Structure formats: structure tokens, C-alpha cells
Amino acid sequence: MGVKKTDKIWHNGKFINWDDAQVHVISHVISYGSAVFEGIRCYQTRQGPAIFRLREHMQRLVHSARIYRMELAYTLDELCAAGVEVVRANKMGACYLKPIVLRGYGEVGVNPFPCPVEVYMACWEWGSYLGAEAVEKGVDVCVSSWTRIAPNTLPAMSKSAANYMNSQLIRMEAIVNGYVEGIALDASGCVSEGSGENLFLVQDGVVITPPLASSVLPGITRRSLMTLCEDLKVPVREQVIPREMLYIADEVFFTGTAAEVTPLRSIDRIPIGNGSRGPVTKLLQEEFFALTSGAKPDRHNWLTPVGVPVGSATR
């Protein structure tokens, strides 16, 4: 999926041209993966462009940086304001917003402390992550032979670049074996998540998702779907999920900023339910997209309108 470059990127409080957003090859982030980031969707709503759960995403970015002892020079409010300004400066409607905090040029050893902490934000057009028809027809996935990062190795609660080397192994293995995506198990052999998505299953009308202790990222869309379940009086709970529950579930779906709400139609060539999108998944999809499109009122204040100033983020 290629990137359609836009005009401006926010870098350390100032706008720079897209082509000027470069890092030195000897920067710490290149050798050691020392970066944390976010992926945030801006939706084209009936009321104009609006960023989905901007504050929650930026709060997770701050938390990710704190875990890795990366000192940020910007407050949460300033980061949120910068996100809005990036979308507005590039005159974007629906788009993908990506803030990145990285350790730059300064130290060539493993010790990252002497390296400057830099913040970039860019946005660009981005469509369906798992395929244009995936939202309705579902995708075929496998259980990966690669285990999700184990507790006390790399922190799964930080959305760090290093974690996505594990994700790449999961995704590449799935693709070369003819699947769209892979599901990783945790260190104990229970279900964790996809390479870039959280996972839910539906069993006897109950929506179940693995707990954070199963090495899952605390997904913003994951939490949103749990809230929607509560709104719609659909029972929802966090529970350790053994692998075999995937095969006998009535429905299984992924959630994430990129994947949004995507049903799984088969796992390891075993059809899920009747092999098509189930009624609970469809219900939650419809509610999610109604809210993000502005077709229904934003009752949880999840949308930040791009046209409304939220303070200054340039210095």
C-alpha cells in the first residue's frame, strides 16, 4: 500500500516540507528501533473532517514514550493541537495521521540517553487495510507459528517500532502461506492478537477479547468496541482465550485503527460460523461506522473536528 505524499509534516513544533522530513542513517532509531508511534484515522463526517479519539491516541503515545524513558517536550494538549494542524495544513478530509517519537542522531551505542528525542507528525490518504471487501466479506487468516512478545521482554503496552518486527514475521508468514493475516498466541499458548489488530470472538451471544496480560496492545478501537457493546446491551468481557476457541466461535473479528472492524471468515481453513460475517459483528460495524461518519450523534465525544481550533502547536 503506497503512501500518497502530502505537503507538510510537523517536526518538533514547526512545519517542514514532506521531502525535508529525513533522518540520518546513523540515527539511533535506525540501528536500534528506538521509536514509538501512533496510527489515527481522520474521518470525513457529515459535519466535516474529524479525528477519531485523538486525545486517547496521543495519551497512549505519551505512555509509550514514558515506558521507554523518552522525555517529550510537548504536553498532551500540544500534541493534540499538532495533530489537528497537520490535517488542516494539508487540507485533508479522510486520512491517516501518524505521530512518531524517535531517538535521533547523537550516540552510536545501545545507550539512548545522549540522543535527541524528536517528534514528527504526518498524514496521508489511506483506505481499507485488509482489502476493500474485507469489511463485508471477511478475511482468511491463520494462527502464526511466531509467538507474540512475552511479558518482561518487550512491553506490549507500548506501541513501539521494535514490537513490529515481531508483527512483520507474523504478517509475512501469513502472506506467503496464502492468508491475509496471522493470529499470534502469547507465551502461554493462548490467543493474543493479529500482527496489527486486536481480536474479538463471539460465543453464544457474548463478545470476548483477550486481556492485556495476553501481550495485547491496549487498542483504542478495541476499547471503543467494548463501549459500543455496552451501549447496545451486548455482553462483553475480557478473558484468556485458548486457541481452540477460535475454531468453534460463532464469530471472530479484528479491530484496529487500520482494520477498523473486520470479520474473519476462516482460521486455518476452518470456516468461522457459516463462513460469512455474523450478526453481532455486523451490528457493531454499523454502529461504529454510523458514529465515525457522523450519521449518528457523537455521544461519547470521540470525534475532534478539524475545522475547530484546539490551541497552537507550532513554535
Protein backbone atom coordinates (compact mmCIF):
# COMPACT_ATOMS: atom_id res chain seq x y z
CA MET A 1 0.00 0.00 0.00
CA GLY A 2 1.82 3.07 -1.26
CA VAL A 3 1.95 6.40 0.54
CA LYS A 4 0.46 9.39 -1.26
CA LYS A 5 2.68 12.18 -0.02
CA THR A 6 1.12 15.38 1.21
CA ASP A 7 2.56 18.87 1.55
CA LYS A 8 3.63 19.45 5.16
CA ILE A 9 4.95 17.41 8.10
CA TRP A 10 5.09 18.69 11.67
CA HIS A 11 8.58 18.34 13.18
CA ASN A 12 9.45 19.49 16.70
CA GLY A 13 6.92 22.29 16.67
CA LYS A 14 7.38 23.55 13.11
CA PHE A 15 6.04 22.61 9.70
CA ILE A 16 8.54 21.36 7.15
CA ASN A 17 8.10 20.16 3.59
CA TRP A 18 7.34 16.46 3.11
CA ASP A 19 10.60 15.82 1.26
CA ASP A 20 12.63 17.51 4.01
CA ALA A 21 11.47 15.05 6.70
CA GLN A 22 14.61 12.93 6.83
CA VAL A 23 16.73 11.25 9.50
CA HIS A 24 20.43 10.42 9.35
CA VAL A 25 21.26 6.79 8.61
CA ILE A 26 23.30 6.62 11.83
CA SER A 27 20.39 7.88 13.93
CA HIS A 28 19.72 5.71 16.97
CA VAL A 29 16.28 4.75 15.68
CA ILE A 30 17.76 3.14 12.55
CA SER A 31 20.05 0.71 14.35
CA TYR A 32 18.02 0.05 17.47
CA GLY A 33 14.36 0.63 16.58
CA SER A 34 14.04 3.31 19.26
CA ALA A 35 10.72 4.86 18.26
CA VAL A 36 7.14 4.89 19.45
CA PHE A 37 4.23 5.93 17.28
CA GLU A 38 0.50 6.10 16.75
CA GLY A 39 -1.88 5.49 13.88
CA ILE A 40 -5.00 7.66 13.94
CA ARG A 41 -7.86 7.95 11.46
CA CYS A 42 -9.49 11.17 10.43
CA TYR A 43 -12.97 10.52 9.04
CA GLN A 44 -14.92 12.58 6.55
CA THR A 45 -18.10 13.09 8.53
CA ARG A 46 -21.29 14.85 7.52
CA GLN A 47 -20.07 17.77 9.63
CA GLY A 48 -16.61 17.86 8.03
CA PRO A 49 -13.29 16.08 8.75
CA ALA A 50 -12.95 14.79 12.32
CA ILE A 51 -10.16 12.83 14.02
CA PHE A 52 -11.24 9.68 15.87
CA ARG A 53 -10.26 9.55 19.56
CA LEU A 54 -7.37 11.94 19.09
CA ARG A 55 -6.74 12.56 22.78
CA GLU A 56 -6.74 8.86 23.67
CA HIS A 57 -4.24 8.12 20.90
CA MET A 58 -1.95 10.93 21.97
CA GLN A 59 -2.21 9.82 25.59
CA ARG A 60 -1.09 6.34 24.54
CA LEU A 61 1.81 7.94 22.65
CA VAL A 62 2.84 9.75 25.84
CA HIS A 63 2.58 6.49 27.80
CA SER A 64 4.62 4.62 25.18
CA ALA A 65 7.35 7.24 25.37
CA ARG A 66 7.35 7.19 29.18
CA ILE A 67 7.85 3.42 29.27
CA TYR A 68 10.98 3.87 27.13
CA ARG A 69 12.19 6.89 29.16
CA MET A 70 11.78 9.23 26.22
CA GLU A 71 11.33 12.78 27.51
CA LEU A 72 8.75 14.68 25.49
CA ALA A 73 9.00 18.45 25.12
CA TYR A 74 5.28 18.74 24.41
CA THR A 75 2.19 18.44 26.55
CA LEU A 76 -0.73 16.21 25.69
CA ASP A 77 -2.74 19.27 24.65
CA GLU A 78 0.07 20.46 22.37
CA LEU A 79 0.32 17.06 20.70
CA CYS A 80 -3.44 17.01 20.10
CA ALA A 81 -3.30 20.52 18.65
CA ALA A 82 -0.44 19.49 16.36
CA GLY A 83 -2.45 16.54 15.05
CA VAL A 84 -5.33 18.82 14.10
CA GLU A 85 -2.98 21.35 12.49
CA VAL A 86 -1.28 18.70 10.36
CA VAL A 87 -4.59 17.55 8.88
CA ARG A 88 -5.74 21.13 8.39
CA ALA A 89 -2.44 22.33 6.88
CA ASN A 90 -2.58 19.57 4.29
CA LYS A 91 -6.25 20.32 3.51
CA MET A 92 -7.16 16.68 4.09
CA GLY A 93 -10.56 15.08 4.52
CA ALA A 94 -10.44 11.39 5.36
CA CYS A 95 -6.84 10.45 6.08
CA TYR A 96 -4.40 8.57 8.31
CA LEU A 97 -2.46 10.60 10.88
CA LYS A 98 0.85 9.22 12.11
CA PRO A 99 2.75 10.79 15.03
CA ILE A 100 6.24 9.36 15.61
CA VAL A 101 8.58 9.93 18.57
CA LEU A 102 12.12 8.76 17.82
CA ARG A 103 15.66 8.95 19.11
CA GLY A 104 17.76 10.74 16.54
CA TYR A 105 21.42 11.34 15.68
CA GLY A 106 23.82 11.53 18.61
CA GLU A 107 25.01 8.21 20.06
CA VAL A 108 26.11 5.08 18.23
CA GLY A 109 25.92 2.69 21.19
CA VAL A 110 22.92 0.99 22.71
CA ASN A 111 22.59 3.65 25.43
CA PRO A 112 19.94 6.01 24.05
CA PHE A 113 20.11 8.82 26.61
CA PRO A 114 22.57 11.09 24.69
CA CYS A 115 20.34 11.03 21.59
CA PRO A 116 17.80 13.80 20.93
CA VAL A 117 14.12 12.87 21.13
CA GLU A 118 12.35 14.11 18.02
CA VAL A 119 8.64 14.26 17.21
CA TYR A 120 7.18 14.06 13.71
CA MET A 121 3.57 14.03 12.53
CA ALA A 122 2.44 13.28 9.00
CA CYS A 123 -0.86 12.45 7.33
CA TRP A 124 -1.92 10.92 4.04
CA GLU A 125 -4.81 9.17 2.34
CA TRP A 126 -5.27 5.55 3.36
CA GLY A 127 -8.09 3.19 2.52
CA SER A 128 -9.00 -0.28 3.71
CA TYR A 129 -6.08 -2.04 5.40
CA LEU A 130 -7.06 -5.69 4.81
CA GLY A 131 -8.71 -5.21 1.43
CA ALA A 132 -11.67 -3.28 0.07
CA GLU A 133 -14.14 -6.16 0.51
CA ALA A 134 -12.84 -7.30 3.89
CA VAL A 135 -15.28 -5.27 5.99
CA GLU A 136 -18.27 -7.08 4.47
CA LYS A 137 -17.00 -10.46 3.31
CA GLY A 138 -14.29 -11.10 5.90
CA VAL A 139 -10.74 -12.41 5.55
CA ASP A 140 -8.96 -15.75 5.76
CA VAL A 141 -6.30 -15.91 8.47
CA CYS A 142 -4.04 -18.43 10.18
CA VAL A 143 -2.61 -18.99 13.62
CA SER A 144 1.03 -17.97 13.36
CA SER A 145 3.99 -20.12 14.32
CA TRP A 146 5.54 -16.93 15.72
CA THR A 147 4.70 -16.23 19.37
CA ARG A 148 3.74 -12.73 20.49
CA ILE A 149 6.37 -10.91 22.54
CA ALA A 150 6.41 -12.31 26.07
CA PRO A 151 5.92 -10.29 29.27
CA ASN A 152 9.14 -8.77 30.59
CA THR A 153 10.84 -8.98 27.21
CA LEU A 154 9.40 -6.04 25.26
CA PRO A 155 6.45 -4.10 26.71
CA ALA A 156 3.35 -4.88 24.65
CA MET A 157 1.53 -1.88 26.15
CA SER A 158 3.93 0.47 24.37
CA LYS A 159 3.27 0.97 20.67
CA SER A 160 6.94 0.81 19.81
CA ALA A 161 8.63 0.27 16.47
CA ALA A 162 10.61 -2.68 17.84
CA ASN A 163 7.44 -4.63 18.58
CA TYR A 164 6.53 -4.52 14.92
CA MET A 165 9.48 -6.68 13.91
CA ASN A 166 7.53 -9.44 15.65
CA SER A 167 4.42 -8.27 13.78
CA GLN A 168 6.25 -8.38 10.45
CA LEU A 169 7.20 -12.02 10.98
CA ILE A 170 3.57 -12.87 11.72
CA ARG A 171 2.25 -10.99 8.69
CA MET A 172 4.88 -12.23 6.22
CA GLU A 173 4.38 -15.85 7.23
CA ALA A 174 0.64 -15.48 6.73
CA ILE A 175 1.01 -13.88 3.30
CA VAL A 176 3.48 -16.41 1.89
CA ASN A 177 1.14 -19.19 3.00
CA GLY A 178 -1.86 -17.68 1.24
CA TYR A 179 -3.59 -15.91 4.14
CA VAL A 180 -4.40 -12.25 4.62
CA GLU A 181 -3.27 -12.06 8.25
CA GLY A 182 -1.95 -14.12 11.14
CA ILE A 183 -3.09 -14.50 14.74
CA ALA A 184 -0.32 -14.78 17.31
CA LEU A 185 -0.52 -16.76 20.52
CA ASP A 186 1.04 -15.46 23.72
CA ALA A 187 3.91 -17.07 25.62
CA SER A 188 1.49 -19.43 27.38
CA GLY A 189 -0.10 -20.58 24.13
CA CYS A 190 -3.33 -18.60 24.46
CA VAL A 191 -4.71 -16.17 21.89
CA SER A 192 -3.05 -12.76 21.80
CA GLU A 193 -3.78 -10.62 18.69
CA GLY A 194 -3.09 -10.15 15.00
CA SER A 195 0.06 -8.55 13.65
CA GLY A 196 -1.58 -5.14 13.86
CA GLU A 197 -5.07 -5.76 15.21
CA ASN A 198 -6.82 -6.72 18.42
CA LEU A 199 -9.13 -9.73 18.28
CA PHE A 200 -12.67 -10.45 19.48
CA LEU A 201 -14.76 -13.58 19.26
CA VAL A 202 -18.47 -14.11 19.78
CA GLN A 203 -19.71 -17.21 21.58
CA ASP A 204 -23.40 -17.72 22.43
CA GLY A 205 -24.08 -14.00 22.14
CA VAL A 206 -21.16 -12.96 24.39
CA VAL A 207 -18.30 -10.87 22.95
CA ILE A 208 -14.91 -11.93 24.34
CA THR A 209 -11.45 -10.40 23.90
CA PRO A 210 -8.06 -11.35 25.40
CA PRO A 211 -6.89 -9.33 28.43
CA LEU A 212 -3.89 -7.01 28.35
CA ALA A 213 -1.90 -9.71 30.17
CA SER A 214 -2.05 -11.78 26.95
CA SER A 215 0.53 -9.40 25.41
CA VAL A 216 -2.00 -7.30 23.55
CA LEU A 217 -1.73 -3.63 22.72
CA PRO A 218 -4.37 -1.62 24.63
CA GLY A 219 -6.17 -0.74 21.42
CA ILE A 220 -8.19 2.44 21.15
CA THR A 221 -10.61 0.82 18.71
CA ARG A 222 -10.69 -2.25 20.98
CA ARG A 223 -11.86 -0.12 23.89
CA SER A 224 -14.33 1.68 21.62
CA LEU A 225 -15.93 -1.60 20.55
CA MET A 226 -16.25 -2.69 24.17
CA THR A 227 -18.05 0.59 24.89
CA LEU A 228 -20.36 0.04 21.92
CA CYS A 229 -21.17 -3.43 23.21
CA GLU A 230 -22.22 -1.86 26.49
CA ASP A 231 -24.30 0.75 24.64
CA LEU A 232 -26.07 -1.95 22.64
CA LYS A 233 -26.57 -4.26 25.65
CA VAL A 234 -24.31 -6.92 24.13
CA PRO A 235 -22.46 -8.82 26.89
CA VAL A 236 -18.70 -8.24 26.63
CA ARG A 237 -15.79 -9.43 28.73
CA GLU A 238 -12.03 -9.85 28.78
CA GLN A 239 -10.99 -13.48 29.13
CA VAL A 240 -8.00 -15.67 28.41
CA ILE A 241 -8.81 -17.48 25.17
CA PRO A 242 -7.35 -20.92 24.35
CA ARG A 243 -6.51 -21.45 20.69
CA GLU A 244 -9.24 -23.99 20.07
CA MET A 245 -11.95 -21.49 20.96
CA LEU A 246 -11.16 -19.72 17.70
CA TYR A 247 -12.35 -22.72 15.69
CA ILE A 248 -15.66 -23.16 17.49
CA ALA A 249 -16.58 -19.48 17.88
CA ASP A 250 -19.76 -18.23 16.26
CA GLU A 251 -17.96 -15.11 15.02
CA VAL A 252 -14.43 -13.68 15.14
CA PHE A 253 -13.39 -10.15 14.16
CA PHE A 254 -10.36 -7.87 14.22
CA THR A 255 -10.36 -4.28 15.43
CA GLY A 256 -7.81 -1.52 14.97
CA THR A 257 -7.28 1.94 13.55
CA ALA A 258 -6.27 0.46 10.20
CA ALA A 259 -8.53 -2.62 10.20
CA GLU A 260 -11.47 -0.77 11.86
CA VAL A 261 -13.90 -3.70 12.37
CA THR A 262 -13.06 -6.62 10.06
CA PRO A 263 -14.70 -10.06 10.28
CA LEU A 264 -12.74 -13.30 9.94
CA ARG A 265 -14.39 -15.88 7.72
CA SER A 266 -11.90 -18.68 8.31
CA ILE A 267 -8.97 -19.55 10.57
CA ASP A 268 -6.52 -22.26 9.47
CA ARG A 269 -9.00 -23.12 6.67
CA ILE A 270 -11.76 -23.81 9.21
CA PRO A 271 -14.85 -21.68 8.46
CA ILE A 272 -15.98 -19.43 11.31
CA GLY A 273 -19.71 -19.91 11.86
CA ASN A 274 -21.21 -20.21 8.40
CA GLY A 275 -18.12 -18.65 6.80
CA SER A 276 -19.57 -15.16 6.47
CA ARG A 277 -19.95 -12.05 8.59
CA GLY A 278 -22.04 -12.75 11.67
CA PRO A 279 -24.93 -10.68 13.09
CA VAL A 280 -23.06 -9.32 16.13
CA THR A 281 -20.10 -8.23 14.01
CA LYS A 282 -22.49 -6.56 11.55
CA LEU A 283 -24.32 -4.78 14.36
CA LEU A 284 -21.09 -3.44 15.85
CA GLN A 285 -19.75 -2.43 12.43
CA GLU A 286 -22.89 -0.48 11.63
CA GLU A 287 -22.79 1.34 14.96
CA PHE A 288 -19.07 2.10 14.63
CA PHE A 289 -19.35 3.47 11.10
CA ALA A 290 -22.51 5.42 11.94
CA LEU A 291 -20.60 7.22 14.68
CA THR A 292 -17.42 7.80 12.67
CA SER A 293 -19.37 9.07 9.65
CA GLY A 294 -21.44 11.49 11.69
CA ALA A 295 -24.67 9.68 10.75
CA LYS A 296 -25.33 9.29 14.49
CA PRO A 297 -24.58 11.86 17.19
CA ASP A 298 -21.12 11.68 18.73
CA ARG A 299 -22.48 10.66 22.13
CA HIS A 300 -19.07 9.75 23.56
CA ASN A 301 -17.21 12.81 22.22
CA TRP A 302 -14.86 10.62 20.23
CA LEU A 303 -14.52 12.97 17.24
CA THR A 304 -12.33 16.07 17.13
CA PRO A 305 -13.45 18.37 14.30
CA VAL A 306 -10.52 19.55 12.21
CA GLY A 307 -12.19 22.86 11.44
CA VAL A 308 -12.34 23.87 15.10
CA PRO A 309 -9.09 25.31 16.60
CA VAL A 310 -7.75 23.40 19.62
CA GLY A 311 -4.87 25.70 20.53
CA SER A 312 -1.48 26.33 18.98
CA ALA A 313 1.04 23.56 18.35
CA THR A 314 3.66 25.47 16.40
CA ARG A 315 6.55 27.32 17.93
